[in-house]
N, C-alpha and C. Protein backbone atom coordinates (compact mmCIF):
# COMPACT_ATOMS: atom_id res chain seq x y z
N MET A 1 74.19 6.78 89.00
CA MET A 1 74.66 7.33 88.75
C MET A 1 75.36 8.87 89.64
N PRO A 2 76.38 9.27 90.40
CA PRO A 2 75.95 10.45 91.60
C PRO A 2 75.05 11.04 91.66
N GLN A 3 74.82 12.94 92.33
CA GLN A 3 74.78 13.50 92.62
C GLN A 3 75.98 14.68 91.91
N LEU A 4 75.78 14.83 91.34
CA LEU A 4 76.85 16.29 90.70
C LEU A 4 76.76 17.63 92.07
N GLN A 5 77.56 17.42 93.18
CA GLN A 5 78.29 17.96 94.46
C GLN A 5 78.30 19.39 93.99
N PRO A 6 78.01 20.09 94.09
CA PRO A 6 78.89 21.69 94.64
C PRO A 6 80.46 21.20 94.16
N GLY A 7 81.52 22.10 93.17
CA GLY A 7 83.19 21.99 93.18
C GLY A 7 82.84 20.94 91.54
N MET A 8 81.99 20.46 92.03
CA MET A 8 82.43 18.90 91.31
C MET A 8 81.17 19.65 89.54
N ALA A 9 82.85 18.64 88.78
CA ALA A 9 82.43 19.21 87.03
C ALA A 9 82.28 18.11 86.50
N ARG A 10 80.89 17.35 85.48
CA ARG A 10 80.78 16.47 85.13
C ARG A 10 81.32 16.34 83.00
N ILE A 11 82.19 15.71 83.26
CA ILE A 11 82.15 15.93 81.55
C ILE A 11 81.69 14.59 81.40
N ARG A 12 81.19 14.88 80.42
CA ARG A 12 80.90 13.72 78.82
C ARG A 12 81.50 13.62 78.14
N VAL A 13 81.94 13.06 77.50
CA VAL A 13 82.58 12.13 76.09
C VAL A 13 81.66 11.19 75.40
N LYS A 14 80.89 12.17 74.39
CA LYS A 14 79.23 11.50 73.40
C LYS A 14 79.55 10.56 72.22
N ASP A 15 79.46 9.31 72.34
CA ASP A 15 79.68 9.12 70.86
C ASP A 15 81.14 8.33 70.22
N LEU A 16 81.79 8.67 70.99
CA LEU A 16 83.86 8.29 70.30
C LEU A 16 83.85 7.52 69.47
N LEU A 17 83.65 7.48 68.23
CA LEU A 17 83.64 6.37 67.35
C LEU A 17 84.55 5.47 66.66
N LEU A 18 85.08 4.46 66.63
CA LEU A 18 86.10 3.26 66.83
C LEU A 18 86.16 1.99 66.86
N ARG A 19 87.37 1.95 65.38
CA ARG A 19 87.53 0.32 65.27
C ARG A 19 88.09 -0.98 65.43
N THR A 20 88.27 -2.23 65.82
CA THR A 20 89.02 -2.74 66.81
C THR A 20 87.80 -4.12 66.59
N TYR A 21 88.57 -4.62 66.56
CA TYR A 21 88.94 -6.43 66.69
C TYR A 21 88.12 -7.00 68.00
N ILE A 22 86.98 -6.60 68.29
CA ILE A 22 86.09 -7.16 69.13
C ILE A 22 85.39 -9.01 68.76
N GLY A 23 84.76 -9.80 69.53
CA GLY A 23 84.24 -10.50 69.28
C GLY A 23 84.49 -12.14 69.29
N ILE A 24 83.98 -13.40 69.25
CA ILE A 24 84.86 -14.03 69.07
C ILE A 24 84.01 -14.96 68.16
N ASN A 25 83.89 -14.61 67.06
CA ASN A 25 83.78 -16.11 65.81
C ASN A 25 85.09 -15.24 65.24
N GLU A 26 84.93 -16.52 64.02
CA GLU A 26 86.28 -16.09 63.28
C GLU A 26 85.28 -15.18 62.71
N GLU A 27 85.05 -14.54 61.95
CA GLU A 27 84.47 -13.10 61.68
C GLU A 27 85.03 -11.73 61.92
N GLU A 28 84.59 -12.10 63.37
CA GLU A 28 84.78 -10.93 64.35
C GLU A 28 86.01 -10.79 64.84
N ILE A 29 86.84 -11.91 64.06
CA ILE A 29 88.24 -11.83 65.51
C ILE A 29 89.59 -11.27 63.72
N ARG A 30 88.68 -11.95 62.62
CA ARG A 30 89.38 -11.02 61.06
C ARG A 30 89.39 -9.60 61.14
N ASN A 31 88.26 -9.63 60.97
CA ASN A 31 87.86 -8.14 60.37
C ASN A 31 87.26 -6.92 62.17
N LYS A 32 88.08 -5.69 61.56
CA LYS A 32 88.13 -4.65 63.32
C LYS A 32 86.57 -4.54 62.86
N GLN A 33 85.71 -4.03 63.59
CA GLN A 33 84.28 -3.47 63.63
C GLN A 33 83.85 -2.07 64.35
N ASP A 34 83.20 -1.37 63.70
CA ASP A 34 83.70 0.07 64.80
C ASP A 34 82.56 -0.79 66.06
N VAL A 35 83.13 0.15 66.64
CA VAL A 35 82.78 0.91 69.13
C VAL A 35 82.24 1.93 68.66
N LEU A 36 81.39 2.24 69.65
CA LEU A 36 80.40 3.45 69.73
C LEU A 36 80.71 3.50 71.49
N ILE A 37 81.89 4.96 72.58
CA ILE A 37 81.91 4.61 73.33
C ILE A 37 81.92 5.84 73.78
N ASN A 38 81.12 5.77 74.73
CA ASN A 38 80.63 7.15 75.92
C ASN A 38 80.46 6.92 76.99
N LEU A 39 81.05 8.31 77.67
CA LEU A 39 82.19 8.09 79.16
C LEU A 39 81.34 9.18 79.91
N THR A 40 81.02 9.43 81.51
CA THR A 40 80.68 10.15 82.43
C THR A 40 82.53 10.16 82.92
N ILE A 41 82.59 11.68 83.19
CA ILE A 41 83.34 11.25 84.09
C ILE A 41 82.67 12.69 85.44
N LEU A 42 83.24 12.32 86.93
CA LEU A 42 82.75 13.72 87.70
C LEU A 42 84.79 13.86 88.37
N TYR A 43 84.73 15.21 88.05
CA TYR A 43 86.03 15.72 88.88
C TYR A 43 85.85 16.77 89.78
N PRO A 44 86.53 17.73 90.66
CA PRO A 44 86.65 18.51 91.51
C PRO A 44 87.05 19.48 90.25
N ALA A 45 86.23 20.03 90.43
CA ALA A 45 86.78 21.27 89.42
C ALA A 45 87.09 22.99 90.49
N GLN A 46 87.13 22.50 91.06
CA GLN A 46 87.59 24.50 92.39
C GLN A 46 88.32 24.84 91.62
N ASP A 47 88.83 24.42 91.88
CA ASP A 47 90.51 25.12 91.41
C ASP A 47 90.18 25.51 90.46
N ALA A 48 90.41 24.71 88.67
CA ALA A 48 89.67 25.26 87.31
C ALA A 48 88.99 26.62 87.08
N VAL A 49 87.91 26.06 88.32
CA VAL A 49 86.89 27.10 87.73
C VAL A 49 86.98 28.50 88.38
N ARG A 50 87.78 28.33 89.47
CA ARG A 50 88.92 29.91 90.23
C ARG A 50 90.07 30.02 89.57
N ASP A 51 90.73 29.44 88.65
CA ASP A 51 92.10 30.55 88.50
C ASP A 51 92.02 30.00 86.75
N ASN A 52 90.89 29.44 86.38
CA ASN A 52 91.25 29.37 84.38
C ASN A 52 92.20 29.12 83.99
N ASP A 53 92.81 28.52 85.31
CA ASP A 53 93.84 27.04 85.49
C ASP A 53 93.57 25.71 83.91
N ILE A 54 94.52 25.19 82.60
CA ILE A 54 94.50 24.06 82.28
C ILE A 54 95.04 23.28 83.42
N ASP A 55 95.91 24.22 83.67
CA ASP A 55 96.46 23.09 84.28
C ASP A 55 95.78 22.43 86.36
N HIS A 56 94.52 23.10 85.73
CA HIS A 56 93.72 22.58 87.10
C HIS A 56 92.86 21.71 86.62
N ALA A 57 92.70 22.18 85.17
CA ALA A 57 91.47 20.98 85.20
C ALA A 57 92.18 19.68 85.13
N LEU A 58 90.71 18.85 84.42
CA LEU A 58 90.68 17.60 84.26
C LEU A 58 91.44 17.45 82.29
N ASN A 59 92.54 17.44 82.71
CA ASN A 59 92.14 17.21 80.50
C ASN A 59 92.10 16.07 79.12
N TYR A 60 90.49 16.50 79.69
CA TYR A 60 89.74 15.12 78.43
C TYR A 60 90.22 13.93 77.94
N ARG A 61 91.14 15.90 77.34
CA ARG A 61 91.50 15.30 75.39
C ARG A 61 92.71 13.52 76.01
N THR A 62 93.38 14.25 76.46
CA THR A 62 95.10 13.29 77.32
C THR A 62 94.22 11.99 77.50
N ILE A 63 92.87 11.62 78.37
CA ILE A 63 92.47 10.43 78.28
C ILE A 63 91.49 9.99 77.13
N THR A 64 90.67 10.58 76.30
CA THR A 64 90.23 10.21 75.65
C THR A 64 91.43 9.81 73.89
N LYS A 65 92.74 10.85 74.20
CA LYS A 65 93.97 9.75 73.55
C LYS A 65 94.49 8.00 73.62
N ALA A 66 94.38 8.39 75.32
CA ALA A 66 94.45 7.96 75.47
C ALA A 66 94.02 6.54 75.26
N ILE A 67 92.49 5.84 75.45
CA ILE A 67 91.65 5.51 75.36
C ILE A 67 90.96 5.20 73.55
N ILE A 68 91.55 5.65 72.84
CA ILE A 68 92.09 5.61 71.20
C ILE A 68 92.70 4.67 71.40
N ALA A 69 93.67 5.33 72.13
CA ALA A 69 95.24 4.19 71.56
C ALA A 69 94.93 2.84 72.54
N HIS A 70 94.22 2.79 73.00
CA HIS A 70 94.01 1.91 73.64
C HIS A 70 92.56 0.80 73.03
N VAL A 71 92.01 1.44 72.59
CA VAL A 71 91.55 0.62 71.69
C VAL A 71 91.31 -0.30 70.73
N GLU A 72 92.30 0.93 69.33
CA GLU A 72 92.02 0.62 68.34
C GLU A 72 93.81 -0.18 68.68
N GLY A 73 94.40 -0.59 69.19
CA GLY A 73 95.69 -1.63 69.20
C GLY A 73 95.64 -2.20 69.74
N ASN A 74 94.44 -3.10 70.41
CA ASN A 74 94.41 -4.29 71.02
C ASN A 74 92.60 -4.90 70.94
N ARG A 75 92.99 -6.72 71.22
CA ARG A 75 92.20 -7.16 70.06
C ARG A 75 91.31 -7.42 71.10
N PHE A 76 89.16 -7.60 71.57
CA PHE A 76 88.61 -8.07 72.70
C PHE A 76 88.07 -8.97 72.39
N ALA A 77 87.67 -10.10 73.30
CA ALA A 77 86.78 -11.36 72.95
C ALA A 77 85.56 -11.01 73.59
N LEU A 78 85.52 -10.06 74.40
CA LEU A 78 84.42 -9.52 75.19
C LEU A 78 84.05 -8.00 75.56
N LEU A 79 83.18 -7.16 75.15
CA LEU A 79 82.32 -5.98 75.28
C LEU A 79 82.72 -6.47 76.35
N GLU A 80 82.61 -6.36 78.38
CA GLU A 80 82.64 -6.92 79.56
C GLU A 80 84.39 -6.99 79.69
N ARG A 81 85.13 -7.12 78.53
CA ARG A 81 86.66 -7.19 78.49
C ARG A 81 87.14 -5.89 78.69
N LEU A 82 86.17 -5.04 77.46
CA LEU A 82 86.90 -4.18 76.67
C LEU A 82 86.52 -3.01 77.62
N THR A 83 85.08 -2.76 78.52
CA THR A 83 85.20 -1.78 79.05
C THR A 83 85.31 -1.57 80.47
N GLN A 84 85.72 -3.05 80.28
CA GLN A 84 86.70 -2.67 82.42
C GLN A 84 87.79 -1.99 82.14
N GLU A 85 88.16 -2.60 80.77
CA GLU A 85 89.35 -1.71 80.98
C GLU A 85 90.14 -0.29 81.03
N LEU A 86 88.98 -0.36 79.50
CA LEU A 86 88.87 1.29 79.43
C LEU A 86 88.17 1.99 80.95
N LEU A 87 87.49 1.37 81.54
CA LEU A 87 86.78 2.11 83.29
C LEU A 87 88.85 2.44 83.80
N ASP A 88 89.13 1.69 83.73
CA ASP A 88 90.62 1.24 84.92
C ASP A 88 91.37 2.09 84.22
N LEU A 89 91.60 2.75 83.04
CA LEU A 89 92.07 3.74 82.24
C LEU A 89 91.28 4.79 82.75
N VAL A 90 90.32 5.63 82.74
CA VAL A 90 89.20 6.73 82.89
C VAL A 90 90.58 6.68 84.50
N MET A 91 89.82 6.21 84.88
CA MET A 91 90.06 5.62 86.29
C MET A 91 91.48 5.93 87.33
N GLY A 92 92.21 5.79 86.44
CA GLY A 92 93.57 5.73 86.55
C GLY A 92 94.31 6.48 86.89
N ASN A 93 93.65 7.81 86.55
CA ASN A 93 93.68 9.76 86.47
C ASN A 93 93.14 9.55 88.33
N LEU A 94 93.46 10.50 89.26
CA LEU A 94 93.80 9.77 90.35
C LEU A 94 92.07 11.25 90.53
N SER A 95 92.55 12.86 89.63
CA SER A 95 91.67 13.30 89.48
C SER A 95 89.98 13.21 89.35
N VAL A 96 90.22 11.86 89.04
CA VAL A 96 88.46 11.24 89.04
C VAL A 96 88.06 10.57 89.51
N GLN A 97 87.16 11.10 90.60
CA GLN A 97 86.52 11.02 91.38
C GLN A 97 84.50 10.03 91.69
N TYR A 98 84.18 9.92 89.60
CA TYR A 98 83.68 8.68 89.51
C TYR A 98 83.27 8.61 88.23
N ALA A 99 83.48 7.68 87.42
CA ALA A 99 83.06 7.31 85.62
C ALA A 99 82.39 7.09 85.31
N GLU A 100 81.84 6.47 84.74
CA GLU A 100 80.82 5.70 83.51
C GLU A 100 81.25 5.47 82.33
N VAL A 101 81.42 4.58 81.94
CA VAL A 101 81.87 3.84 80.09
C VAL A 101 80.70 3.15 79.77
N GLU A 102 80.95 3.10 79.02
CA GLU A 102 79.71 2.24 77.85
C GLU A 102 79.89 2.73 76.38
N VAL A 103 80.35 0.72 76.23
CA VAL A 103 80.40 1.04 75.08
C VAL A 103 79.25 0.02 74.55
N ASP A 104 79.13 0.69 72.99
CA ASP A 104 78.11 -0.31 72.18
C ASP A 104 78.94 -0.61 70.57
N LYS A 105 78.03 -2.14 70.47
CA LYS A 105 78.98 -2.97 68.93
C LYS A 105 77.13 -2.22 68.71
N PRO A 106 77.23 -1.56 67.92
CA PRO A 106 76.94 -1.04 66.49
C PRO A 106 76.16 -2.75 65.88
N HIS A 107 74.93 -3.28 65.80
CA HIS A 107 74.64 -4.25 64.71
C HIS A 107 75.11 -5.47 64.66
N ALA A 108 75.10 -5.81 66.19
CA ALA A 108 75.86 -6.79 67.55
C ALA A 108 74.74 -7.87 66.94
N LEU A 109 73.54 -7.72 67.46
CA LEU A 109 72.40 -8.64 67.63
C LEU A 109 71.36 -8.45 65.85
N ARG A 110 70.80 -9.27 64.75
CA ARG A 110 70.09 -8.77 64.04
C ARG A 110 68.70 -8.53 64.70
N PHE A 111 68.61 -7.44 64.13
CA PHE A 111 67.07 -6.52 64.54
C PHE A 111 67.38 -5.00 65.14
N ALA A 112 68.77 -5.35 66.05
CA ALA A 112 68.97 -4.44 67.44
C ALA A 112 69.74 -3.58 66.99
N GLU A 113 69.42 -2.41 66.49
CA GLU A 113 70.97 -1.42 66.44
C GLU A 113 71.93 -1.87 67.07
N SER A 114 71.96 -1.96 68.15
CA SER A 114 73.30 -1.88 69.18
C SER A 114 72.76 -2.63 70.36
N VAL A 115 74.57 -3.18 70.68
CA VAL A 115 73.89 -3.86 72.32
C VAL A 115 75.26 -3.21 73.05
N SER A 116 74.64 -2.49 74.15
CA SER A 116 75.58 -2.02 74.89
C SER A 116 76.11 -2.89 76.38
N ILE A 117 77.77 -2.28 76.47
CA ILE A 117 78.21 -2.48 78.37
C ILE A 117 78.05 -1.51 78.84
N THR A 118 77.69 -1.73 80.35
CA THR A 118 77.86 -0.12 81.03
C THR A 118 78.36 -0.61 82.40
N LEU A 119 79.35 0.01 82.50
CA LEU A 119 80.19 0.21 84.15
C LEU A 119 81.06 0.86 84.96
N ALA A 120 80.75 1.29 85.86
CA ALA A 120 81.42 1.88 86.15
C ALA A 120 81.43 2.20 87.84
N ALA A 121 82.70 3.19 87.79
CA ALA A 121 83.21 2.77 89.68
C ALA A 121 83.72 4.45 89.69
N SER A 122 83.58 4.82 91.74
CA SER A 122 83.54 5.59 91.99
C SER A 122 85.25 5.11 93.15
N ARG A 123 86.09 7.01 93.62
CA ARG A 123 86.92 6.36 94.97
C ARG A 123 86.32 6.21 96.24
N ALA A 124 85.93 6.30 96.79
CA ALA A 124 85.88 5.55 97.81
C ALA A 124 85.77 7.18 99.37
N GLY A 125 84.25 7.54 99.43
CA GLY A 125 83.89 8.26 99.94
C GLY A 125 83.87 10.01 98.82
N ALA A 126 83.29 9.00 97.53
CA ALA A 126 83.18 9.78 96.79
C ALA A 126 81.71 9.64 96.48
């Protein structure tokens, strides 16, 4: 994860718990399962800080609502695919300079609390 530079803000969405179809075996294809999503987003916040104006801030609520709709409205075979699609969705906001998305699938393995995949992206020069 890049160092936080002056003027940049780090937004973290922690433990967004959603249900979706995720997996490749028959039971996973038939039944929704929990996924736990964590996001880290860096964006330039100088204008938002200076003006105290929502129009100059990155609207994390809008991004989170889009993630919820995408996860709950689709089916995924692999955690990698789900994670990449969410990363693409976040990076679709041109204010985002860096994003990291982690998706956990609780109880995917016996004796393990969860399995997770993390992917990251940044804009050129960020």
